[in-house]
N, C-alpha and C. Protein backbone atom coordinates (compact mmCIF):
# COMPACT_ATOMS: atom_id res chain seq x y z
N MET A 1 -41.47 75.45 64.06
CA MET A 1 -40.14 74.98 64.41
C MET A 1 -39.45 76.01 65.27
N ARG A 2 -38.92 75.55 66.38
CA ARG A 2 -38.22 76.47 67.26
C ARG A 2 -36.87 76.83 66.66
N PRO A 3 -36.42 78.07 66.81
CA PRO A 3 -35.19 78.53 66.16
C PRO A 3 -33.97 77.66 66.37
N PRO A 4 -33.68 77.18 67.63
CA PRO A 4 -32.45 76.40 67.79
C PRO A 4 -32.43 75.16 66.92
N LEU A 5 -33.57 74.44 66.87
CA LEU A 5 -33.60 73.24 66.07
C LEU A 5 -33.58 73.57 64.59
N ARG A 6 -34.20 74.69 64.19
CA ARG A 6 -34.15 75.09 62.79
C ARG A 6 -32.69 75.32 62.36
N ALA A 7 -31.93 75.98 63.21
CA ALA A 7 -30.54 76.25 62.88
C ALA A 7 -29.75 74.97 62.77
N VAL A 8 -30.01 74.04 63.70
CA VAL A 8 -29.28 72.78 63.67
C VAL A 8 -29.65 71.98 62.44
N ALA A 9 -30.93 72.01 62.07
CA ALA A 9 -31.40 71.25 60.92
C ALA A 9 -30.72 71.73 59.64
N MET A 10 -30.47 73.02 59.54
CA MET A 10 -29.82 73.55 58.35
C MET A 10 -28.41 72.99 58.21
N LEU A 11 -27.75 72.78 59.33
CA LEU A 11 -26.40 72.21 59.30
C LEU A 11 -26.40 70.77 58.82
N ALA A 12 -27.56 70.12 59.01
CA ALA A 12 -27.65 68.70 58.64
C ALA A 12 -28.10 68.49 57.21
N ALA A 13 -28.35 69.56 56.49
CA ALA A 13 -28.93 69.44 55.16
C ALA A 13 -28.09 68.57 54.24
N THR A 14 -26.77 68.66 54.40
CA THR A 14 -25.90 67.87 53.54
C THR A 14 -25.63 66.48 54.11
N ALA A 15 -26.04 66.25 55.35
CA ALA A 15 -25.73 64.98 56.00
C ALA A 15 -26.84 63.97 55.83
N ALA A 16 -28.05 64.41 55.58
CA ALA A 16 -29.19 63.50 55.49
C ALA A 16 -29.67 63.41 54.05
N LEU A 17 -29.99 62.19 53.64
CA LEU A 17 -30.53 61.96 52.32
C LEU A 17 -32.04 61.92 52.43
N VAL A 18 -32.73 62.75 51.65
CA VAL A 18 -34.18 62.83 51.71
C VAL A 18 -34.75 62.37 50.39
N THR A 19 -35.69 61.43 50.44
CA THR A 19 -36.37 60.97 49.24
C THR A 19 -37.85 61.01 49.46
N ALA A 20 -38.61 60.97 48.39
CA ALA A 20 -40.07 61.04 48.50
C ALA A 20 -40.72 59.92 47.70
N CYS A 21 -41.86 59.44 48.21
CA CYS A 21 -42.63 58.41 47.54
C CYS A 21 -44.09 58.83 47.55
N ASN A 22 -44.74 58.76 46.40
CA ASN A 22 -46.14 59.14 46.30
C ASN A 22 -46.38 60.58 46.74
N SER A 23 -45.41 61.46 46.53
CA SER A 23 -45.54 62.84 46.99
C SER A 23 -46.50 63.60 46.11
N SER A 24 -47.57 64.15 46.69
CA SER A 24 -48.58 64.85 45.91
C SER A 24 -48.57 66.35 46.15
N ASP A 25 -47.84 66.83 47.17
CA ASP A 25 -47.74 68.25 47.43
C ASP A 25 -46.48 68.53 48.23
N ASP A 26 -46.25 69.79 48.52
CA ASP A 26 -45.03 70.14 49.23
C ASP A 26 -45.21 70.21 50.75
N TRP A 27 -46.34 69.78 51.23
CA TRP A 27 -46.65 69.72 52.67
C TRP A 27 -46.71 71.11 53.30
N SER A 28 -46.73 72.14 52.50
CA SER A 28 -46.71 73.49 53.05
C SER A 28 -48.09 73.95 53.51
N GLU A 29 -49.14 73.31 53.00
CA GLU A 29 -50.49 73.73 53.34
C GLU A 29 -50.97 73.03 54.61
N PRO A 30 -51.48 73.76 55.59
CA PRO A 30 -52.03 73.11 56.79
C PRO A 30 -53.30 72.35 56.45
N ARG A 31 -53.64 71.38 57.28
CA ARG A 31 -54.87 70.61 57.07
C ARG A 31 -55.31 70.03 58.40
N PRO A 32 -56.56 69.55 58.47
CA PRO A 32 -57.05 68.99 59.74
C PRO A 32 -56.24 67.77 60.16
N THR A 33 -56.28 67.48 61.45
CA THR A 33 -55.60 66.29 61.96
C THR A 33 -56.15 65.04 61.29
N PRO A 34 -55.29 64.18 60.74
CA PRO A 34 -55.77 62.98 60.04
C PRO A 34 -56.55 62.04 60.96
N SER A 35 -57.55 61.41 60.41
CA SER A 35 -58.36 60.45 61.15
C SER A 35 -58.20 59.06 60.56
N ALA A 36 -58.35 58.05 61.40
CA ALA A 36 -58.24 56.68 60.94
C ALA A 36 -59.41 56.32 60.03
N ILE A 37 -59.13 55.48 59.07
CA ILE A 37 -60.17 54.86 58.26
C ILE A 37 -60.32 53.43 58.77
N GLY A 38 -61.51 53.08 59.21
CA GLY A 38 -61.72 51.78 59.82
C GLY A 38 -61.58 51.84 61.33
N ALA A 39 -61.82 50.73 61.99
CA ALA A 39 -61.83 50.69 63.45
C ALA A 39 -60.98 49.54 63.98
N LEU A 40 -60.47 49.73 65.18
CA LEU A 40 -59.75 48.66 65.84
C LEU A 40 -60.67 47.48 66.13
N GLY A 41 -60.13 46.29 65.99
CA GLY A 41 -60.91 45.10 66.28
C GLY A 41 -60.89 44.74 67.76
N PRO A 42 -61.74 43.81 68.18
CA PRO A 42 -61.75 43.37 69.57
C PRO A 42 -60.38 42.84 69.98
N GLY A 43 -59.97 43.23 71.18
CA GLY A 43 -58.72 42.71 71.71
C GLY A 43 -57.51 43.59 71.48
N PHE A 44 -57.69 44.71 70.77
CA PHE A 44 -56.53 45.59 70.64
C PHE A 44 -56.23 46.25 71.98
N VAL A 45 -57.27 46.73 72.62
CA VAL A 45 -57.14 47.35 73.93
C VAL A 45 -58.48 47.26 74.63
N ASP A 46 -58.49 47.27 75.94
CA ASP A 46 -59.74 47.25 76.69
C ASP A 46 -60.50 48.55 76.44
N PRO A 47 -61.65 48.50 75.79
CA PRO A 47 -62.36 49.73 75.44
C PRO A 47 -62.91 50.49 76.64
N SER A 48 -62.98 49.86 77.80
CA SER A 48 -63.54 50.51 78.97
C SER A 48 -62.51 51.28 79.79
N THR A 49 -61.22 51.08 79.48
CA THR A 49 -60.16 51.72 80.27
C THR A 49 -59.06 52.22 79.36
N LYS A 50 -58.77 53.51 79.45
CA LYS A 50 -57.67 54.07 78.66
C LYS A 50 -56.36 53.68 79.32
N PRO A 51 -55.42 53.14 78.57
CA PRO A 51 -54.13 52.74 79.17
C PRO A 51 -53.43 53.91 79.85
N ALA A 52 -52.74 53.62 80.93
CA ALA A 52 -51.98 54.65 81.63
C ALA A 52 -50.78 55.07 80.81
N PRO A 53 -50.26 56.28 81.01
CA PRO A 53 -49.06 56.71 80.30
C PRO A 53 -47.90 55.73 80.52
N GLU A 54 -47.16 55.47 79.48
CA GLU A 54 -46.02 54.57 79.48
C GLU A 54 -46.41 53.11 79.71
N ALA A 55 -47.68 52.80 79.59
CA ALA A 55 -48.12 51.42 79.77
C ALA A 55 -47.72 50.57 78.57
N THR A 56 -47.73 49.27 78.77
CA THR A 56 -47.51 48.32 77.69
C THR A 56 -48.82 47.60 77.42
N ILE A 57 -49.25 47.62 76.16
CA ILE A 57 -50.46 46.89 75.79
C ILE A 57 -50.08 45.75 74.86
N THR A 58 -50.84 44.68 74.92
CA THR A 58 -50.57 43.49 74.10
C THR A 58 -51.81 43.17 73.29
N PRO A 59 -51.96 43.77 72.13
CA PRO A 59 -53.17 43.55 71.33
C PRO A 59 -53.23 42.14 70.75
N GLN A 60 -54.44 41.67 70.52
CA GLN A 60 -54.63 40.39 69.86
C GLN A 60 -54.12 40.49 68.42
N PRO A 61 -53.45 39.45 67.94
CA PRO A 61 -52.93 39.49 66.57
C PRO A 61 -54.02 39.83 65.56
N GLY A 62 -53.73 40.76 64.69
CA GLY A 62 -54.66 41.14 63.64
C GLY A 62 -55.75 42.11 64.05
N SER A 63 -55.78 42.51 65.33
CA SER A 63 -56.84 43.41 65.79
C SER A 63 -56.68 44.81 65.21
N TRP A 64 -55.58 45.07 64.55
CA TRP A 64 -55.31 46.36 63.92
C TRP A 64 -55.55 46.33 62.41
N ALA A 65 -55.93 45.18 61.87
CA ALA A 65 -55.93 44.98 60.42
C ALA A 65 -56.90 45.89 59.67
N ASP A 66 -57.98 46.29 60.31
CA ASP A 66 -58.99 47.10 59.62
C ASP A 66 -58.76 48.60 59.74
N VAL A 67 -57.66 48.99 60.36
CA VAL A 67 -57.35 50.42 60.51
C VAL A 67 -56.37 50.84 59.43
N HIS A 68 -56.71 51.92 58.73
CA HIS A 68 -55.87 52.42 57.66
C HIS A 68 -55.70 53.92 57.79
N PRO A 69 -54.57 54.45 57.35
CA PRO A 69 -54.40 55.90 57.35
C PRO A 69 -55.17 56.51 56.19
N PRO A 70 -55.51 57.80 56.27
CA PRO A 70 -56.12 58.45 55.12
C PRO A 70 -55.13 58.54 53.97
N LYS A 71 -55.65 58.64 52.77
CA LYS A 71 -54.79 58.76 51.59
C LYS A 71 -53.89 59.98 51.72
N ASP A 72 -52.63 59.82 51.31
CA ASP A 72 -51.62 60.88 51.36
C ASP A 72 -51.28 61.30 52.79
N TYR A 73 -51.47 60.38 53.73
CA TYR A 73 -50.99 60.56 55.10
C TYR A 73 -49.51 60.91 55.02
N ARG A 74 -49.10 61.97 55.68
CA ARG A 74 -47.74 62.48 55.55
C ARG A 74 -46.82 61.85 56.59
N VAL A 75 -45.87 61.08 56.13
CA VAL A 75 -44.98 60.34 57.03
C VAL A 75 -43.52 60.58 56.63
N VAL A 76 -42.69 60.88 57.63
CA VAL A 76 -41.24 60.90 57.43
C VAL A 76 -40.66 59.66 58.11
N LEU A 77 -39.91 58.89 57.35
CA LEU A 77 -39.18 57.75 57.89
C LEU A 77 -37.77 58.19 58.21
N LEU A 78 -37.41 58.10 59.48
CA LEU A 78 -36.04 58.36 59.93
C LEU A 78 -35.35 57.01 60.10
N THR A 79 -34.22 56.82 59.46
CA THR A 79 -33.55 55.54 59.58
C THR A 79 -32.05 55.73 59.70
N SER A 80 -31.44 54.85 60.48
CA SER A 80 -29.99 54.88 60.66
C SER A 80 -29.49 53.46 60.89
N GLY A 81 -28.45 53.09 60.17
CA GLY A 81 -27.86 51.77 60.34
C GLY A 81 -28.06 50.89 59.12
N ALA A 82 -27.06 50.02 58.88
CA ALA A 82 -27.11 49.11 57.74
C ALA A 82 -27.26 47.66 58.18
N ASP A 83 -27.60 47.45 59.44
CA ASP A 83 -27.79 46.10 59.96
C ASP A 83 -29.08 45.50 59.41
N ASN A 84 -29.18 44.19 59.45
CA ASN A 84 -30.35 43.51 58.88
C ASN A 84 -31.67 43.87 59.55
N PRO A 85 -31.73 44.00 60.90
CA PRO A 85 -33.00 44.42 61.51
C PRO A 85 -33.48 45.78 61.01
N THR A 86 -32.57 46.73 60.88
CA THR A 86 -32.97 48.05 60.40
C THR A 86 -33.44 47.97 58.96
N LYS A 87 -32.74 47.22 58.13
CA LYS A 87 -33.16 47.05 56.75
C LYS A 87 -34.56 46.44 56.66
N ALA A 88 -34.83 45.46 57.51
CA ALA A 88 -36.15 44.82 57.50
C ALA A 88 -37.24 45.80 57.89
N LEU A 89 -36.96 46.64 58.89
CA LEU A 89 -37.93 47.65 59.31
C LEU A 89 -38.18 48.68 58.22
N VAL A 90 -37.13 49.13 57.58
CA VAL A 90 -37.27 50.11 56.50
C VAL A 90 -38.10 49.53 55.36
N THR A 91 -37.83 48.30 55.00
CA THR A 91 -38.62 47.65 53.94
C THR A 91 -40.08 47.58 54.32
N ALA A 92 -40.36 47.25 55.57
CA ALA A 92 -41.74 47.14 56.03
C ALA A 92 -42.46 48.48 55.96
N VAL A 93 -41.78 49.55 56.36
CA VAL A 93 -42.39 50.88 56.30
C VAL A 93 -42.68 51.28 54.86
N LYS A 94 -41.73 51.04 53.97
CA LYS A 94 -41.92 51.43 52.58
C LYS A 94 -43.02 50.61 51.91
N GLU A 95 -43.10 49.33 52.21
CA GLU A 95 -44.16 48.52 51.63
C GLU A 95 -45.53 48.92 52.16
N TRP A 96 -45.60 49.22 53.45
CA TRP A 96 -46.86 49.72 54.03
C TRP A 96 -47.27 51.01 53.37
N ALA A 97 -46.33 51.94 53.20
CA ALA A 97 -46.63 53.23 52.59
C ALA A 97 -47.15 53.07 51.18
N ASP A 98 -46.55 52.15 50.43
CA ASP A 98 -47.00 51.90 49.06
C ASP A 98 -48.40 51.30 49.04
N ASP A 99 -48.64 50.33 49.92
CA ASP A 99 -49.96 49.69 49.98
C ASP A 99 -51.05 50.66 50.38
N GLU A 100 -50.74 51.58 51.29
CA GLU A 100 -51.75 52.48 51.85
C GLU A 100 -51.78 53.86 51.18
N HIS A 101 -51.00 54.03 50.12
CA HIS A 101 -50.95 55.32 49.40
C HIS A 101 -50.56 56.46 50.34
N VAL A 102 -49.57 56.17 51.18
CA VAL A 102 -49.03 57.15 52.11
C VAL A 102 -48.01 58.03 51.39
N ASP A 103 -47.98 59.30 51.72
CA ASP A 103 -46.97 60.22 51.18
C ASP A 103 -45.75 60.10 52.08
N LEU A 104 -44.79 59.27 51.67
CA LEU A 104 -43.64 58.93 52.50
C LEU A 104 -42.39 59.64 52.01
N ARG A 105 -41.67 60.23 52.96
CA ARG A 105 -40.37 60.82 52.68
C ARG A 105 -39.37 60.26 53.67
N THR A 106 -38.14 60.06 53.23
CA THR A 106 -37.16 59.34 54.04
C THR A 106 -35.93 60.19 54.31
N ILE A 107 -35.48 60.16 55.56
CA ILE A 107 -34.22 60.78 55.95
C ILE A 107 -33.30 59.69 56.47
N VAL A 108 -32.17 59.51 55.79
CA VAL A 108 -31.17 58.54 56.21
C VAL A 108 -30.11 59.27 57.02
N VAL A 109 -29.94 58.87 58.26
CA VAL A 109 -29.00 59.52 59.17
C VAL A 109 -27.65 58.82 59.04
N GLY A 110 -26.64 59.59 58.67
CA GLY A 110 -25.34 58.99 58.37
C GLY A 110 -24.54 58.57 59.59
N ASN A 111 -24.57 59.37 60.65
CA ASN A 111 -23.80 59.02 61.85
C ASN A 111 -24.46 59.65 63.07
N ALA A 112 -23.93 59.31 64.23
CA ALA A 112 -24.56 59.72 65.49
C ALA A 112 -24.63 61.24 65.63
N HIS A 113 -23.64 61.94 65.10
CA HIS A 113 -23.64 63.40 65.22
C HIS A 113 -24.77 64.05 64.44
N ASP A 114 -25.31 63.34 63.46
CA ASP A 114 -26.38 63.89 62.62
C ASP A 114 -27.78 63.56 63.15
N THR A 115 -27.87 62.79 64.23
CA THR A 115 -29.18 62.31 64.67
C THR A 115 -30.12 63.44 65.06
N VAL A 116 -29.70 64.29 66.00
CA VAL A 116 -30.58 65.37 66.45
C VAL A 116 -30.90 66.34 65.31
N PRO A 117 -29.91 66.78 64.51
CA PRO A 117 -30.25 67.65 63.39
C PRO A 117 -31.22 67.00 62.40
N SER A 118 -31.11 65.69 62.21
CA SER A 118 -32.00 65.01 61.27
C SER A 118 -33.42 64.90 61.82
N ILE A 119 -33.55 64.70 63.13
CA ILE A 119 -34.87 64.70 63.75
C ILE A 119 -35.49 66.09 63.59
N ALA A 120 -34.69 67.12 63.79
CA ALA A 120 -35.17 68.48 63.61
C ALA A 120 -35.63 68.72 62.18
N LYS A 121 -34.87 68.22 61.23
CA LYS A 121 -35.23 68.37 59.82
C LYS A 121 -36.56 67.66 59.53
N ALA A 122 -36.74 66.48 60.10
CA ALA A 122 -37.98 65.74 59.90
C ALA A 122 -39.18 66.54 60.43
N MET A 123 -39.04 67.14 61.61
CA MET A 123 -40.13 67.93 62.17
C MET A 123 -40.42 69.15 61.32
N GLU A 124 -39.36 69.75 60.81
CA GLU A 124 -39.52 70.96 60.01
C GLU A 124 -40.31 70.70 58.73
N MET A 125 -40.29 69.48 58.25
CA MET A 125 -41.00 69.12 57.03
C MET A 125 -42.52 69.15 57.20
N GLY A 126 -43.00 69.07 58.44
CA GLY A 126 -44.44 69.14 58.70
C GLY A 126 -45.20 67.87 58.47
N PRO A 127 -44.69 66.71 58.91
CA PRO A 127 -45.41 65.44 58.70
C PRO A 127 -46.54 65.23 59.70
N ASP A 128 -47.40 64.27 59.37
CA ASP A 128 -48.40 63.82 60.34
C ASP A 128 -47.77 62.88 61.36
N LEU A 129 -46.74 62.16 60.94
CA LEU A 129 -46.09 61.16 61.80
C LEU A 129 -44.64 61.00 61.37
N ILE A 130 -43.76 60.85 62.36
CA ILE A 130 -42.36 60.51 62.12
C ILE A 130 -42.14 59.09 62.62
N VAL A 131 -41.67 58.21 61.74
CA VAL A 131 -41.41 56.81 62.09
C VAL A 131 -39.92 56.60 62.17
N SER A 132 -39.48 55.97 63.25
CA SER A 132 -38.06 55.73 63.49
C SER A 132 -37.74 54.25 63.32
N ALA A 133 -36.67 53.98 62.54
CA ALA A 133 -36.20 52.60 62.34
C ALA A 133 -34.69 52.58 62.53
N GLY A 134 -34.22 51.90 63.55
CA GLY A 134 -32.79 51.80 63.81
C GLY A 134 -32.46 52.19 65.24
N ASN A 135 -31.72 51.33 65.92
CA ASN A 135 -31.38 51.58 67.32
C ASN A 135 -30.55 52.83 67.52
N ASP A 136 -29.78 53.22 66.51
CA ASP A 136 -28.90 54.38 66.65
C ASP A 136 -29.66 55.69 66.85
N LEU A 137 -30.95 55.69 66.60
CA LEU A 137 -31.75 56.92 66.72
C LEU A 137 -32.33 57.13 68.12
N ILE A 138 -32.29 56.11 68.96
CA ILE A 138 -33.04 56.15 70.22
C ILE A 138 -32.55 57.25 71.16
N ASP A 139 -31.26 57.40 71.32
CA ASP A 139 -30.76 58.41 72.24
C ASP A 139 -31.12 59.82 71.77
N GLY A 140 -31.04 60.07 70.48
CA GLY A 140 -31.43 61.36 69.95
C GLY A 140 -32.92 61.64 70.13
N LEU A 141 -33.74 60.63 69.91
CA LEU A 141 -35.18 60.79 70.10
C LEU A 141 -35.51 61.08 71.57
N ALA A 142 -34.81 60.41 72.48
CA ALA A 142 -35.05 60.65 73.90
C ALA A 142 -34.73 62.08 74.28
N LEU A 143 -33.78 62.68 73.59
CA LEU A 143 -33.40 64.07 73.86
C LEU A 143 -34.40 65.06 73.27
N VAL A 144 -34.88 64.80 72.07
CA VAL A 144 -35.70 65.77 71.34
C VAL A 144 -37.19 65.67 71.66
N THR A 145 -37.73 64.47 71.73
CA THR A 145 -39.19 64.31 71.78
C THR A 145 -39.87 64.97 72.98
N PRO A 146 -39.27 65.02 74.17
CA PRO A 146 -39.99 65.68 75.28
C PRO A 146 -40.17 67.18 75.07
N ASN A 147 -39.38 67.77 74.20
CA ASN A 147 -39.46 69.21 73.96
C ASN A 147 -40.34 69.59 72.78
N HIS A 148 -40.94 68.59 72.15
CA HIS A 148 -41.79 68.84 70.98
C HIS A 148 -43.02 67.94 71.06
N LEU A 149 -43.85 68.21 72.06
CA LEU A 149 -44.97 67.33 72.36
C LEU A 149 -46.08 67.39 71.32
N ASP A 150 -46.01 68.36 70.42
CA ASP A 150 -47.02 68.44 69.36
C ASP A 150 -46.67 67.57 68.16
N GLU A 151 -45.49 66.97 68.16
CA GLU A 151 -45.06 66.10 67.07
C GLU A 151 -45.31 64.64 67.47
N LYS A 152 -45.82 63.84 66.53
CA LYS A 152 -46.10 62.43 66.80
C LYS A 152 -44.97 61.56 66.25
N PHE A 153 -44.50 60.64 67.10
CA PHE A 153 -43.42 59.74 66.72
C PHE A 153 -43.85 58.29 66.93
N LEU A 154 -43.41 57.44 66.01
CA LEU A 154 -43.61 56.00 66.15
C LEU A 154 -42.26 55.32 66.02
N VAL A 155 -41.86 54.58 67.06
CA VAL A 155 -40.59 53.86 67.07
C VAL A 155 -40.90 52.39 66.87
N VAL A 156 -40.32 51.78 65.85
CA VAL A 156 -40.59 50.36 65.59
C VAL A 156 -39.33 49.55 65.88
N GLY A 157 -39.50 48.46 66.61
CA GLY A 157 -38.38 47.58 66.93
C GLY A 157 -37.47 48.07 68.04
N ALA A 158 -37.89 49.08 68.78
CA ALA A 158 -37.12 49.64 69.90
C ALA A 158 -38.08 50.51 70.70
N GLU A 159 -37.61 51.15 71.76
CA GLU A 159 -38.48 52.02 72.55
C GLU A 159 -37.63 53.01 73.34
N LEU A 160 -38.28 54.07 73.81
CA LEU A 160 -37.61 55.03 74.68
C LEU A 160 -37.81 54.60 76.13
N ALA A 161 -36.80 54.84 76.96
CA ALA A 161 -36.90 54.43 78.36
C ALA A 161 -38.01 55.17 79.09
N GLU A 162 -38.18 56.46 78.79
CA GLU A 162 -39.22 57.26 79.44
C GLU A 162 -39.96 58.07 78.36
N PRO A 163 -40.85 57.43 77.61
CA PRO A 163 -41.54 58.12 76.52
C PRO A 163 -42.55 59.15 77.01
N THR A 164 -42.66 60.25 76.31
CA THR A 164 -43.72 61.21 76.56
C THR A 164 -44.94 60.81 75.74
N HIS A 165 -46.04 61.55 75.92
CA HIS A 165 -47.30 61.10 75.33
C HIS A 165 -47.32 61.15 73.80
N ASN A 166 -46.32 61.77 73.20
CA ASN A 166 -46.26 61.86 71.74
C ASN A 166 -45.44 60.75 71.09
N VAL A 167 -44.92 59.83 71.89
CA VAL A 167 -44.06 58.76 71.38
C VAL A 167 -44.71 57.40 71.63
N THR A 168 -44.91 56.66 70.55
CA THR A 168 -45.46 55.31 70.64
C THR A 168 -44.41 54.35 70.11
N ALA A 169 -44.26 53.20 70.75
CA ALA A 169 -43.27 52.21 70.32
C ALA A 169 -43.94 50.87 70.11
N VAL A 170 -43.36 50.09 69.22
CA VAL A 170 -43.82 48.71 69.00
C VAL A 170 -42.62 47.79 69.20
N ASP A 171 -42.77 46.82 70.08
CA ASP A 171 -41.68 45.92 70.44
C ASP A 171 -42.16 44.48 70.54
N TRP A 172 -41.21 43.58 70.75
CA TRP A 172 -41.52 42.16 70.90
C TRP A 172 -40.32 41.48 71.52
N ASP A 173 -40.48 40.22 71.91
CA ASP A 173 -39.33 39.45 72.40
C ASP A 173 -38.30 39.38 71.28
N GLY A 174 -37.10 39.85 71.58
CA GLY A 174 -36.04 39.89 70.58
C GLY A 174 -35.70 41.30 70.17
N ALA A 175 -36.54 42.27 70.55
CA ALA A 175 -36.27 43.67 70.23
C ALA A 175 -36.09 44.44 71.54
N SER A 176 -36.73 45.59 71.68
CA SER A 176 -36.82 46.39 72.91
C SER A 176 -35.54 47.10 73.33
N PHE A 177 -34.67 47.47 72.39
CA PHE A 177 -33.52 48.31 72.73
C PHE A 177 -34.03 49.65 73.26
N ARG A 178 -33.43 50.17 74.36
CA ARG A 178 -33.93 51.40 74.99
C ARG A 178 -32.85 52.47 75.17
N GLY A 179 -31.75 52.36 74.47
CA GLY A 179 -30.73 53.39 74.55
C GLY A 179 -29.41 52.86 75.06
N GLU A 180 -28.34 53.58 74.70
CA GLU A 180 -26.99 53.13 75.06
C GLU A 180 -26.78 53.05 76.57
N GLY A 181 -27.41 53.96 77.32
CA GLY A 181 -27.23 53.95 78.75
C GLY A 181 -27.75 52.71 79.43
N LEU A 182 -28.69 52.03 78.79
CA LEU A 182 -29.30 50.83 79.36
C LEU A 182 -28.74 49.56 78.75
N GLY A 183 -27.97 49.70 77.67
CA GLY A 183 -27.40 48.53 77.03
C GLY A 183 -28.43 47.74 76.24
N MET A 184 -27.96 46.73 75.57
CA MET A 184 -28.83 45.89 74.75
C MET A 184 -29.56 44.88 75.63
N SER A 185 -30.82 44.66 75.31
CA SER A 185 -31.60 43.67 76.04
C SER A 185 -30.95 42.29 75.93
N SER A 186 -31.02 41.54 77.03
CA SER A 186 -30.42 40.20 77.03
C SER A 186 -31.16 39.25 76.09
N THR A 187 -32.39 39.64 75.70
CA THR A 187 -33.16 38.78 74.80
C THR A 187 -33.09 39.26 73.35
N TYR A 188 -32.22 40.25 73.08
CA TYR A 188 -32.15 40.78 71.71
C TYR A 188 -31.79 39.68 70.72
N ASP A 189 -32.56 39.62 69.64
CA ASP A 189 -32.35 38.59 68.63
C ASP A 189 -32.60 39.20 67.26
N PRO A 190 -31.56 39.48 66.49
CA PRO A 190 -31.76 40.08 65.17
C PRO A 190 -32.60 39.22 64.24
N ASN A 191 -32.62 37.92 64.49
CA ASN A 191 -33.43 37.04 63.65
C ASN A 191 -34.93 37.18 63.90
N SER A 192 -35.29 37.89 64.99
CA SER A 192 -36.72 38.09 65.28
C SER A 192 -37.33 39.17 64.40
N PHE A 193 -36.50 39.92 63.68
CA PHE A 193 -36.99 40.99 62.82
C PHE A 193 -37.36 40.41 61.45
N THR A 194 -38.35 39.55 61.47
CA THR A 194 -38.81 38.94 60.22
C THR A 194 -39.67 39.92 59.44
N ALA A 195 -39.88 39.62 58.17
CA ALA A 195 -40.71 40.49 57.34
C ALA A 195 -42.11 40.60 57.91
N ASP A 196 -42.68 39.48 58.34
CA ASP A 196 -44.05 39.50 58.88
C ASP A 196 -44.11 40.28 60.18
N ARG A 197 -43.12 40.09 61.05
CA ARG A 197 -43.11 40.78 62.34
C ARG A 197 -42.96 42.29 62.13
N CYS A 198 -42.08 42.68 61.26
CA CYS A 198 -41.87 44.11 61.02
C CYS A 198 -43.10 44.75 60.37
N ALA A 199 -43.73 44.04 59.45
CA ALA A 199 -44.95 44.57 58.83
C ALA A 199 -46.06 44.74 59.86
N ALA A 200 -46.21 43.76 60.75
CA ALA A 200 -47.22 43.87 61.81
C ALA A 200 -46.90 45.02 62.75
N ALA A 201 -45.63 45.23 63.04
CA ALA A 201 -45.23 46.31 63.94
C ALA A 201 -45.62 47.66 63.37
N VAL A 202 -45.37 47.87 62.09
CA VAL A 202 -45.72 49.14 61.47
C VAL A 202 -47.23 49.35 61.50
N ARG A 203 -47.99 48.36 61.10
CA ARG A 203 -49.44 48.52 61.03
C ARG A 203 -50.08 48.66 62.41
N ALA A 204 -49.60 47.89 63.38
CA ALA A 204 -50.15 48.00 64.73
C ALA A 204 -49.81 49.35 65.34
N GLY A 205 -48.58 49.81 65.10
CA GLY A 205 -48.17 51.10 65.65
C GLY A 205 -48.95 52.26 65.06
N VAL A 206 -49.12 52.26 63.75
CA VAL A 206 -49.88 53.33 63.11
C VAL A 206 -51.34 53.29 63.56
N ALA A 207 -51.90 52.10 63.70
CA ALA A 207 -53.27 51.98 64.18
C ALA A 207 -53.42 52.59 65.56
N ALA A 208 -52.44 52.37 66.43
CA ALA A 208 -52.48 52.95 67.76
C ALA A 208 -52.43 54.48 67.69
N VAL A 209 -51.51 55.00 66.89
CA VAL A 209 -51.37 56.46 66.77
C VAL A 209 -52.64 57.09 66.24
N LEU A 210 -53.22 56.49 65.20
CA LEU A 210 -54.43 57.06 64.59
C LEU A 210 -55.63 57.01 65.52
N ASN A 211 -55.56 56.16 66.55
CA ASN A 211 -56.64 56.07 67.53
C ASN A 211 -56.26 56.74 68.85
N ASP A 212 -55.26 57.61 68.81
CA ASP A 212 -54.84 58.38 69.99
C ASP A 212 -54.39 57.50 71.14
N LEU A 213 -53.91 56.33 70.86
CA LEU A 213 -53.33 55.46 71.88
C LEU A 213 -51.81 55.65 71.81
N THR A 214 -51.36 56.76 72.34
CA THR A 214 -49.96 57.15 72.22
C THR A 214 -49.29 57.20 73.59
N GLY A 215 -47.96 57.34 73.57
CA GLY A 215 -47.21 57.30 74.82
C GLY A 215 -47.14 55.92 75.41
N LEU A 216 -47.35 54.90 74.57
CA LEU A 216 -47.43 53.51 75.02
C LEU A 216 -46.40 52.66 74.30
N VAL A 217 -46.22 51.44 74.82
CA VAL A 217 -45.49 50.40 74.11
C VAL A 217 -46.51 49.35 73.67
N VAL A 218 -46.56 49.12 72.37
CA VAL A 218 -47.42 48.07 71.81
C VAL A 218 -46.56 46.82 71.70
N TRP A 219 -46.92 45.79 72.44
CA TRP A 219 -46.09 44.58 72.49
C TRP A 219 -46.73 43.49 71.64
N LEU A 220 -45.97 43.01 70.66
CA LEU A 220 -46.48 41.98 69.76
C LEU A 220 -46.00 40.59 70.17
């Protein structure tokens, strides 16, 4: 952790609520980079061509179903907002973590001023992956992620306008918020954040990350 972000994260200690699920250790011990269990099915991506940076891929439905994270995969869920789409995404992440025996810890960001410090706190925890749920986090992620290319991020239900190779997003018709500067998509539909859609977004996104298909938008 770089000193400036460490200092900012300390200021956010009282602003973010952190919880743990299936926690088996304190994450202080280093370990090898996690590998996927299982393989992507036909139609997730063209196996003969690696997608270009910032490309959008449209995998066949269910082509990610056989990919699973290793047990105790370390994930921090960053979430902000009490709107129904954010709640649906948070539920999907937690249910996925429970099903897959993921070591999940959650940081709830209270307001916009806490976004960057909370992202810093998440990185300081040493996760394998940081998952973002909530449109209010996008501007902060756009600021932080280019300066921490060794950290892996997954954004569900939104995307960054100019993602670096460490940021993967999952979107669909009805989602695709890209930051306050760009405004809300004209096709935004909160009703599109169904339980099934959000669950698929989490699983497809994690499958992409575990297979090094990062810096992309996965379109469902």
